[in-house]
Structures are given as C-alpha cells and as structure tokens.
Amino acid sequence: MATNDVPRDPRLRSRIVSPGSKRTLSNDSHRDTEAGAEMEVESREKPYLLAGPILNSQPSSGGSTDRPASLARFISEGPDPATQSDRQLTDASYSHSSTALPVPTWRNVPQNIENKYTELLFEFQNLQVDYQKVTSENVKLASERASEAKKHAELHDKFKIMTNSHATMTHSHSKRVTEKNDLMAVKSQLLQEIAVHKRELADAKKKLAVMTDQSDRVNTSEIKIAHLEVRVTELETKNFQLETDNGGLRMRNTRLVHEKEQLLAPMRAIDQGTEVKREGERREDRRREKLKSESDRNYRHKRHRNSEHRSSSPRRTYDTFPGRQPPKGPRGDRYIGI
C-alpha cells in the first residue's frame, strides 16, 4: 500500500503518517539503529496504538526484546505478566473475533511495524469483502444449477411418459391390424361361399326351367331354391355386418396412424434439422476444398514463374527439348519459356 492511499476503515485513517511528517511509512535503516533512550523519549512524547500483534518475531536493534515469538503465541497466551508494566498495556488490550484480526494495544512500538500491520489489516479487510462477494456468487450459481436440474428431471419424466404412450399405441395398432387381417380372411372365405352358392342357384334355376313338366322334381327344386335363397340372404347379411365392422376398424386404424404421426413428428423434425445441418457442413467443406485447390494451383503457378525469373541460367525454351509441348495456361493458350 502506498503512503498516499487512504484506508476505507475510518479507524485506520489517523494511523497513516503523512510523507511530510517526521515519522513516515518508509523502512529506513537508521530507524532500526537509533538508541533505545531516544525511542523512549519519542514514545513518551507521542504515544500511539498498534492495530494488531507484531508479525515479525525478530526485534529491531533499538526495540524491546521481550515481544511474543509469533502471532499464534500472542493470540493464545496474551501479554506476558512479567513485562506488562514495561509495555504499558491498556484496558482490553486485545480481542478475538471470527471476522477481524485481534487489536491489541500497547506503547513503545516502532512506527514501521505499525504501518506494516495497518497495510496488512487493510488488505485483510479487502479480502474479506472479496470473499463475501465470491460466496454470494457461489450461492447464486448453486440455486441456478438446482433449478436447471429440476427442469431437466421434469423434461425427462415427460419424455418417458411419451415413450410409454407411443409403445402402447404401437402395440394396440399391431393388435388391430391382426384382427383386421383375420376379418379379411373370413370375408374372403364368405365371398367364395357366396359365389359357389350363386353358381348353384343359377344351375338350380336352369334345372327348374328344364324340368317344369316334372312336378316332383319341380317341388324338390323349388324347396332347394328356397333354402339356397335363405342361405344367400343370411350370407349377405353377414357380409354387410363384416363390411360395417371393417369400416369401423378402418376409421380406428386411421385415427391410430394419425396419433402415431403426431408422436413421431418431433423426432422427425429433429432428424430433419440434423440432416440440414450436415448438408450445410458438407456444402461448406466442398466450398473450402474448391477454394483451397484454386489457391494451391495459383500458388504453384506463381512460384514456378518466380523461380524461372530468379534463375541465373538463360531462359529456356521448349525448342531445345524436341518432342515436348509447352503446357497450357489457364485460358488454354500455350506459353513458352516459363
């Protein structure tokens, strides 16, 4: 901390000595080599307080030699009773706190040590403020992470529900398709029977027309025709019922297919977006390859021209190499001596 910096704590502002005064923040060597009597006189004339325990266990050449060995020893043991009268400790000479350094008070301490401790205390307060800011930011980030995790869990549950519903619909659709196939098989068999009975009915009518003179055969044929007509009516009624059931199954199948398409629409949209993105990437790769090939071709052509110009040998022509043709340029014309 520079000598012109002002601490944020108002209790520390009076501790900093201005550069124009006799006692400054500099750590000059002549301050450590003054006589003990001169320091005693100065301390009696201008007593001051130290903002904390002495951080250096080695005493200066002109200071007292009975100071605590370290900060931990001073905080744990307190002032030495044997030298308490020499240090002139005041009431409540030191205090313990979880958020601030202990503030002991005594006299006869060099100014440079007091200023050094003031700087350290000021830095410690700034670090406390930064630590509180970082702690609040951590709490905020933790709450945000918890909310994001909750949203992710909700979306995962919704996706599981949709997947289960889709599986159920697929199973039901396959079951309905199987039933429809069975009904179609029964319908085909009934149609074949109806065709057979119709042929029999036609044959019976032909026989009835031929045997109109024979009453017994006519009666038998009429009875058989009546039975066949009743059977045909029953078969037609059953066929109509099957057609009605088939129409209901067709409508249900259409509805199930529509629901299946609605369930598969988000997945298809995702696949389509992925394919569009891949196509864009492939198009960009082709464009880069084309530009790179053109750049390489131009670079090789330019390097070839420069090497020929820099060559100290006379300019070559293809006349000296029989059987060789000069290469073609970009426009198709042949150029010689390049």
Protein backbone atom coordinates (compact mmCIF):
# COMPACT_ATOMS: atom_id res chain seq x y z
CA MET A 1 0.00 0.00 0.00
CA ALA A 2 1.41 3.39 -0.97
CA THR A 3 1.77 6.19 1.53
CA ASN A 4 -0.91 8.33 -0.16
CA ASP A 5 -3.60 5.57 -0.16
CA VAL A 6 -6.47 6.21 2.26
CA PRO A 7 -7.95 3.14 4.00
CA ARG A 8 -11.66 2.52 3.83
CA ASP A 9 -11.87 1.93 7.57
CA PRO A 10 -12.09 5.38 9.30
CA ARG A 11 -10.28 3.99 12.34
CA LEU A 12 -7.18 3.42 10.22
CA ARG A 13 -7.02 6.85 8.52
CA SER A 14 -5.47 8.52 11.56
CA ARG A 15 -2.88 5.73 11.74
CA ILE A 16 -1.18 6.69 8.46
CA VAL A 17 1.52 9.33 8.86
CA SER A 18 1.82 11.86 6.06
CA PRO A 19 5.05 11.87 3.99
CA GLY A 20 5.96 15.37 5.23
CA SER A 21 5.96 14.47 8.90
CA LYS A 22 8.91 13.22 10.86
CA ARG A 23 7.70 9.60 11.05
CA THR A 24 6.85 8.10 7.64
CA LEU A 25 5.94 4.65 6.29
CA SER A 26 9.45 4.07 4.92
CA ASN A 27 11.51 1.28 6.37
CA ASP A 28 14.82 3.19 6.61
CA SER A 29 17.76 1.53 8.23
CA HIS A 30 18.55 4.48 10.55
CA ARG A 31 15.15 3.90 12.26
CA ASP A 32 16.34 0.46 13.35
CA THR A 33 19.70 1.73 14.58
CA GLU A 34 18.51 4.55 16.88
CA ALA A 35 19.32 4.38 20.53
CA GLY A 36 16.80 2.92 22.97
CA ALA A 37 16.73 6.08 25.08
CA GLU A 38 15.76 8.23 22.10
CA MET A 39 12.88 5.84 21.30
CA GLU A 40 11.69 6.00 24.91
CA VAL A 41 11.61 9.80 24.78
CA GLU A 42 9.70 9.80 21.49
CA SER A 43 7.21 7.21 22.76
CA ARG A 44 6.53 9.31 25.89
CA GLU A 45 6.01 12.43 23.81
CA LYS A 46 3.86 10.80 21.06
CA PRO A 47 2.19 7.60 22.30
CA TYR A 48 0.32 5.60 19.65
CA LEU A 49 -1.55 2.32 19.29
CA LEU A 50 -0.67 -0.73 17.27
CA ALA A 51 -3.55 -2.21 15.28
CA GLY A 52 -2.54 -5.82 15.89
CA PRO A 53 0.17 -8.18 17.16
CA ILE A 54 3.75 -7.93 15.97
CA LEU A 55 4.13 -10.12 12.86
CA ASN A 56 7.93 -10.44 12.98
CA SER A 57 9.38 -12.35 15.87
CA GLN A 58 12.82 -10.78 15.44
CA PRO A 59 13.07 -7.44 17.34
CA SER A 60 14.73 -4.39 15.81
CA SER A 61 18.08 -3.16 17.06
CA GLY A 62 16.53 -0.35 19.12
CA GLY A 63 13.26 -2.03 20.21
CA SER A 64 12.29 -4.31 23.03
CA THR A 65 13.49 -7.93 23.08
CA ASP A 66 10.69 -9.48 25.19
CA ARG A 67 7.94 -9.46 22.50
CA PRO A 68 5.85 -12.58 21.64
CA ALA A 69 7.60 -15.09 19.42
CA SER A 70 4.74 -15.28 16.89
CA LEU A 71 1.20 -14.18 16.21
CA ALA A 72 -0.30 -17.52 17.29
CA ARG A 73 1.55 -17.42 20.62
CA PHE A 74 0.40 -13.86 21.31
CA ILE A 75 -3.25 -14.67 20.47
CA SER A 76 -3.29 -17.87 22.53
CA GLU A 77 -1.24 -16.74 25.58
CA GLY A 78 -1.85 -12.99 25.68
CA PRO A 79 0.63 -10.45 27.13
CA ASP A 80 3.48 -11.57 29.36
CA PRO A 81 2.71 -10.60 33.02
CA ALA A 82 6.41 -10.09 33.73
CA THR A 83 6.75 -7.33 31.14
CA GLN A 84 3.21 -5.92 31.29
CA SER A 85 4.32 -2.82 33.19
CA ASP A 86 7.08 -2.10 30.63
CA ARG A 87 4.69 -2.35 27.70
CA GLN A 88 2.06 -0.16 29.47
CA LEU A 89 -0.89 -2.26 28.26
CA THR A 90 -4.27 -0.52 28.40
CA ASP A 91 -7.65 -1.99 29.31
CA ALA A 92 -8.99 -4.56 26.80
CA SER A 93 -5.57 -4.77 25.20
CA TYR A 94 -6.59 -7.46 22.69
CA SER A 95 -9.79 -9.07 21.48
CA HIS A 96 -10.70 -12.19 19.48
CA SER A 97 -13.15 -12.18 16.55
CA SER A 98 -14.02 -14.58 13.74
CA THR A 99 -14.28 -11.80 11.16
CA ALA A 100 -11.41 -9.44 12.13
CA LEU A 101 -7.88 -9.63 13.38
CA PRO A 102 -7.25 -9.09 17.12
CA VAL A 103 -6.48 -5.48 18.00
CA PRO A 104 -4.05 -5.35 20.98
CA THR A 105 -2.83 -2.01 22.20
CA TRP A 106 0.49 -1.10 23.72
CA ARG A 107 3.13 1.59 23.60
CA ASN A 108 6.77 1.82 22.58
CA VAL A 109 6.46 0.06 19.18
CA PRO A 110 8.38 1.25 16.10
CA GLN A 111 6.30 3.15 13.57
CA ASN A 112 7.32 0.99 10.60
CA ILE A 113 5.88 -2.11 12.26
CA GLU A 114 2.62 -0.32 13.00
CA ASN A 115 2.35 0.88 9.39
CA LYS A 116 3.10 -2.58 8.07
CA TYR A 117 0.39 -4.09 10.19
CA THR A 118 -2.02 -1.36 9.09
CA GLU A 119 -1.33 -2.30 5.48
CA LEU A 120 -1.92 -5.98 6.21
CA LEU A 121 -5.15 -5.22 8.07
CA PHE A 122 -6.37 -3.11 5.17
CA GLU A 123 -5.58 -5.93 2.73
CA PHE A 124 -7.31 -8.43 5.01
CA GLN A 125 -10.49 -6.32 5.02
CA ASN A 126 -10.42 -6.10 1.22
CA LEU A 127 -10.00 -9.88 1.03
CA GLN A 128 -12.97 -10.31 3.36
CA VAL A 129 -15.14 -8.19 1.04
CA ASP A 130 -13.99 -10.21 -1.99
CA TYR A 131 -14.65 -13.45 -0.13
CA GLN A 132 -18.21 -12.37 0.69
CA LYS A 133 -18.81 -11.49 -2.98
CA VAL A 134 -17.48 -14.86 -4.13
CA THR A 135 -19.61 -16.66 -1.54
CA SER A 136 -22.78 -14.88 -2.71
CA GLU A 137 -21.94 -15.71 -6.32
CA ASN A 138 -21.46 -19.38 -5.38
CA VAL A 139 -24.84 -19.46 -3.65
CA LYS A 140 -26.50 -17.90 -6.70
CA LEU A 141 -24.84 -20.38 -9.06
CA ALA A 142 -25.86 -23.29 -6.83
CA SER A 143 -29.52 -22.16 -6.90
CA GLU A 144 -29.37 -21.83 -10.69
CA ARG A 145 -27.89 -25.31 -11.03
CA ALA A 146 -30.63 -26.74 -8.81
CA SER A 147 -33.38 -25.10 -10.91
CA GLU A 148 -31.79 -26.39 -14.13
CA ALA A 149 -31.59 -29.91 -12.68
CA LYS A 150 -35.26 -29.73 -11.70
CA LYS A 151 -36.27 -28.65 -15.21
CA HIS A 152 -34.17 -31.45 -16.70
CA ALA A 153 -35.87 -34.02 -14.45
CA GLU A 154 -39.33 -32.75 -15.47
CA LEU A 155 -38.46 -32.96 -19.17
CA HIS A 156 -37.07 -36.46 -18.66
CA ASP A 157 -40.33 -37.57 -16.98
CA LYS A 158 -42.39 -36.11 -19.83
CA PHE A 159 -40.21 -37.91 -22.37
CA LYS A 160 -40.68 -41.23 -20.53
CA ILE A 161 -44.46 -40.73 -20.48
CA MET A 162 -44.49 -40.00 -24.23
CA THR A 163 -42.30 -43.05 -24.91
CA ASN A 164 -44.61 -45.33 -22.90
CA SER A 165 -47.67 -43.89 -24.66
CA HIS A 166 -46.06 -44.47 -28.05
CA ALA A 167 -45.24 -48.07 -27.16
CA THR A 168 -48.83 -48.66 -26.03
CA MET A 169 -50.22 -47.15 -29.22
CA THR A 170 -47.90 -49.28 -31.34
CA HIS A 171 -48.96 -52.45 -29.55
CA SER A 172 -52.64 -51.57 -29.92
CA HIS A 173 -52.16 -50.79 -33.60
CA SER A 174 -50.47 -54.14 -34.25
CA LYS A 175 -53.32 -55.89 -32.43
CA ARG A 176 -55.93 -54.08 -34.52
CA VAL A 177 -54.04 -54.95 -37.72
CA THR A 178 -54.07 -58.63 -36.72
CA GLU A 179 -57.83 -58.51 -36.07
CA LYS A 180 -58.38 -56.79 -39.41
CA ASN A 181 -56.39 -59.46 -41.23
CA ASP A 182 -58.45 -62.20 -39.56
CA LEU A 183 -61.70 -60.48 -40.56
CA MET A 184 -60.46 -60.03 -44.10
CA ALA A 185 -59.69 -63.76 -44.28
CA VAL A 186 -63.21 -64.61 -43.01
CA LYS A 187 -64.68 -62.14 -45.51
CA SER A 188 -62.77 -63.76 -48.37
CA GLN A 189 -64.00 -67.20 -47.35
CA LEU A 190 -67.61 -65.95 -47.18
CA LEU A 191 -67.33 -64.34 -50.60
CA GLN A 192 -66.11 -67.61 -52.02
CA GLU A 193 -69.08 -69.41 -50.44
CA ILE A 194 -71.48 -66.80 -51.81
CA ALA A 195 -70.01 -67.23 -55.29
CA VAL A 196 -70.39 -71.01 -55.01
CA HIS A 197 -73.98 -70.70 -53.83
CA LYS A 198 -74.79 -68.24 -56.59
CA ARG A 199 -73.46 -70.67 -59.16
CA GLU A 200 -75.52 -73.41 -57.56
CA LEU A 201 -78.57 -71.15 -57.58
CA ALA A 202 -78.06 -70.41 -61.26
CA ASP A 203 -77.70 -74.12 -62.00
CA ALA A 204 -80.80 -74.84 -59.96
CA LYS A 205 -82.82 -72.26 -61.89
CA LYS A 206 -81.64 -73.78 -65.16
CA LYS A 207 -82.66 -77.23 -63.99
CA LEU A 208 -86.01 -75.82 -62.82
CA ALA A 209 -86.64 -74.40 -66.28
CA VAL A 210 -85.76 -77.72 -67.91
CA MET A 211 -87.86 -79.88 -65.51
CA THR A 212 -91.01 -77.74 -65.31
CA ASP A 213 -93.02 -80.78 -66.52
CA GLN A 214 -91.90 -82.93 -63.67
CA SER A 215 -93.74 -81.82 -60.52
CA ASP A 216 -91.77 -83.85 -58.06
CA ARG A 217 -88.54 -82.50 -59.41
CA VAL A 218 -90.07 -79.05 -59.58
CA ASN A 219 -91.11 -79.21 -55.95
CA THR A 220 -87.72 -80.50 -54.95
CA SER A 221 -86.03 -77.78 -56.97
CA GLU A 222 -88.28 -75.08 -55.52
CA ILE A 223 -87.57 -76.29 -51.99
CA LYS A 224 -83.84 -76.34 -52.71
CA ILE A 225 -84.02 -72.90 -54.28
CA ALA A 226 -85.84 -71.53 -51.22
CA HIS A 227 -83.22 -73.00 -48.95
CA LEU A 228 -80.45 -71.58 -51.12
CA GLU A 229 -82.11 -68.13 -51.17
CA VAL A 230 -82.38 -68.16 -47.40
CA ARG A 231 -78.75 -69.15 -47.17
CA VAL A 232 -77.76 -66.42 -49.60
CA THR A 233 -79.73 -63.84 -47.58
CA GLU A 234 -78.00 -64.94 -44.40
CA LEU A 235 -74.61 -64.78 -46.08
CA GLU A 236 -75.34 -61.30 -47.50
CA THR A 237 -76.46 -60.08 -44.06
CA LYS A 238 -73.28 -61.46 -42.52
CA ASN A 239 -71.23 -59.88 -45.30
CA PHE A 240 -72.88 -56.49 -44.66
CA GLN A 241 -72.09 -56.84 -40.95
CA LEU A 242 -68.48 -57.63 -41.79
CA GLU A 243 -68.32 -54.61 -44.11
CA THR A 244 -69.65 -52.42 -41.27
CA ASP A 245 -67.08 -53.82 -38.83
CA ASN A 246 -64.35 -53.34 -41.42
CA GLY A 247 -65.32 -49.68 -41.85
CA GLY A 248 -65.11 -49.12 -38.09
CA LEU A 249 -61.71 -50.79 -37.98
CA ARG A 250 -60.53 -48.66 -40.90
CA MET A 251 -61.58 -45.46 -39.10
CA ARG A 252 -59.87 -46.63 -35.91
CA ASN A 253 -56.74 -47.52 -37.88
CA THR A 254 -56.74 -44.04 -39.47
CA ARG A 255 -57.02 -42.40 -36.06
CA LEU A 256 -54.20 -44.54 -34.65
CA VAL A 257 -51.98 -43.72 -37.62
CA HIS A 258 -52.70 -40.01 -37.12
CA GLU A 259 -51.80 -40.21 -33.43
CA LYS A 260 -48.63 -42.12 -34.32
CA GLU A 261 -47.64 -39.39 -36.79
CA GLN A 262 -48.22 -36.74 -34.13
CA LEU A 263 -45.99 -38.65 -31.71
CA LEU A 264 -43.24 -39.11 -34.32
CA ALA A 265 -43.38 -35.51 -35.60
CA PRO A 266 -40.89 -34.08 -33.01
CA MET A 267 -38.37 -36.86 -33.70
CA ARG A 268 -38.65 -36.36 -37.46
CA ALA A 269 -38.21 -32.60 -37.01
CA ILE A 270 -35.05 -33.24 -35.02
CA ASP A 271 -33.73 -35.66 -37.68
CA GLN A 272 -34.57 -33.18 -40.45
CA GLY A 273 -32.75 -30.35 -38.63
CA THR A 274 -29.73 -32.59 -38.14
CA GLU A 275 -29.71 -33.55 -41.81
CA VAL A 276 -30.00 -29.88 -42.89
CA LYS A 277 -27.10 -29.00 -40.61
CA ARG A 278 -24.98 -31.85 -42.01
CA GLU A 279 -25.80 -30.83 -45.57
CA GLY A 280 -24.72 -27.26 -44.78
CA GLU A 281 -21.47 -28.55 -43.30
CA ARG A 282 -20.81 -30.74 -46.38
CA ARG A 283 -21.53 -27.79 -48.68
CA GLU A 284 -19.14 -25.62 -46.68
CA ASP A 285 -16.45 -28.33 -46.83
CA ARG A 286 -16.81 -28.60 -50.61
CA ARG A 287 -16.54 -24.82 -50.95
CA ARG A 288 -13.40 -24.76 -48.77
CA GLU A 289 -11.83 -27.61 -50.75
CA LYS A 290 -12.55 -25.79 -54.00
CA LEU A 291 -11.05 -22.55 -52.72
CA LYS A 292 -8.03 -24.43 -51.35
CA SER A 293 -7.41 -26.21 -54.68
CA GLU A 294 -7.67 -22.93 -56.59
CA SER A 295 -5.33 -21.23 -54.12
CA ASP A 296 -2.81 -24.09 -54.38
CA ARG A 297 -2.92 -24.03 -58.17
CA ASN A 298 -2.36 -20.25 -58.29
CA TYR A 299 0.42 -20.54 -55.71
CA ARG A 300 2.23 -23.25 -57.68
CA HIS A 301 1.90 -21.25 -60.89
CA LYS A 302 3.23 -18.10 -59.24
CA ARG A 303 6.10 -19.97 -57.56
CA HIS A 304 7.05 -21.52 -60.89
CA ARG A 305 7.18 -18.11 -62.56
CA ASN A 306 9.22 -16.60 -59.74
CA SER A 307 11.72 -19.46 -59.77
CA GLU A 308 12.26 -19.00 -63.51
CA HIS A 309 12.79 -15.25 -63.12
CA ARG A 310 15.21 -15.72 -60.26
CA SER A 311 17.21 -18.34 -62.12
CA SER A 312 20.64 -17.21 -63.31
CA SER A 313 20.60 -19.62 -66.24
CA PRO A 314 19.46 -18.35 -69.65
CA ARG A 315 15.77 -18.53 -70.38
CA ARG A 316 14.74 -21.98 -71.51
CA THR A 317 12.55 -22.69 -74.48
CA TYR A 318 10.85 -25.86 -75.48
CA ASP A 319 12.72 -25.73 -78.77
CA THR A 320 15.73 -27.28 -77.03
CA PHE A 321 13.67 -30.28 -75.93
CA PRO A 322 12.30 -31.94 -79.05
CA GLY A 323 9.07 -33.85 -78.62
CA ARG A 324 7.85 -31.79 -75.66
CA GLN A 325 4.98 -29.40 -75.90
CA PRO A 326 4.66 -26.29 -73.76
CA PRO A 327 1.96 -26.50 -71.09
CA LYS A 328 -1.39 -24.78 -71.47
CA GLY A 329 -2.23 -21.73 -69.43
CA PRO A 330 -5.48 -21.01 -67.57
CA ARG A 331 -7.06 -19.66 -70.77
CA GLY A 332 -6.00 -22.56 -72.94
CA ASP A 333 -3.14 -20.82 -74.76
CA ARG A 334 0.34 -22.31 -74.74
CA TYR A 335 3.17 -20.22 -73.38
CA ILE A 336 6.88 -20.86 -73.76
CA GLY A 337 9.82 -20.16 -71.52
CA ILE A 338 8.04 -20.01 -68.18
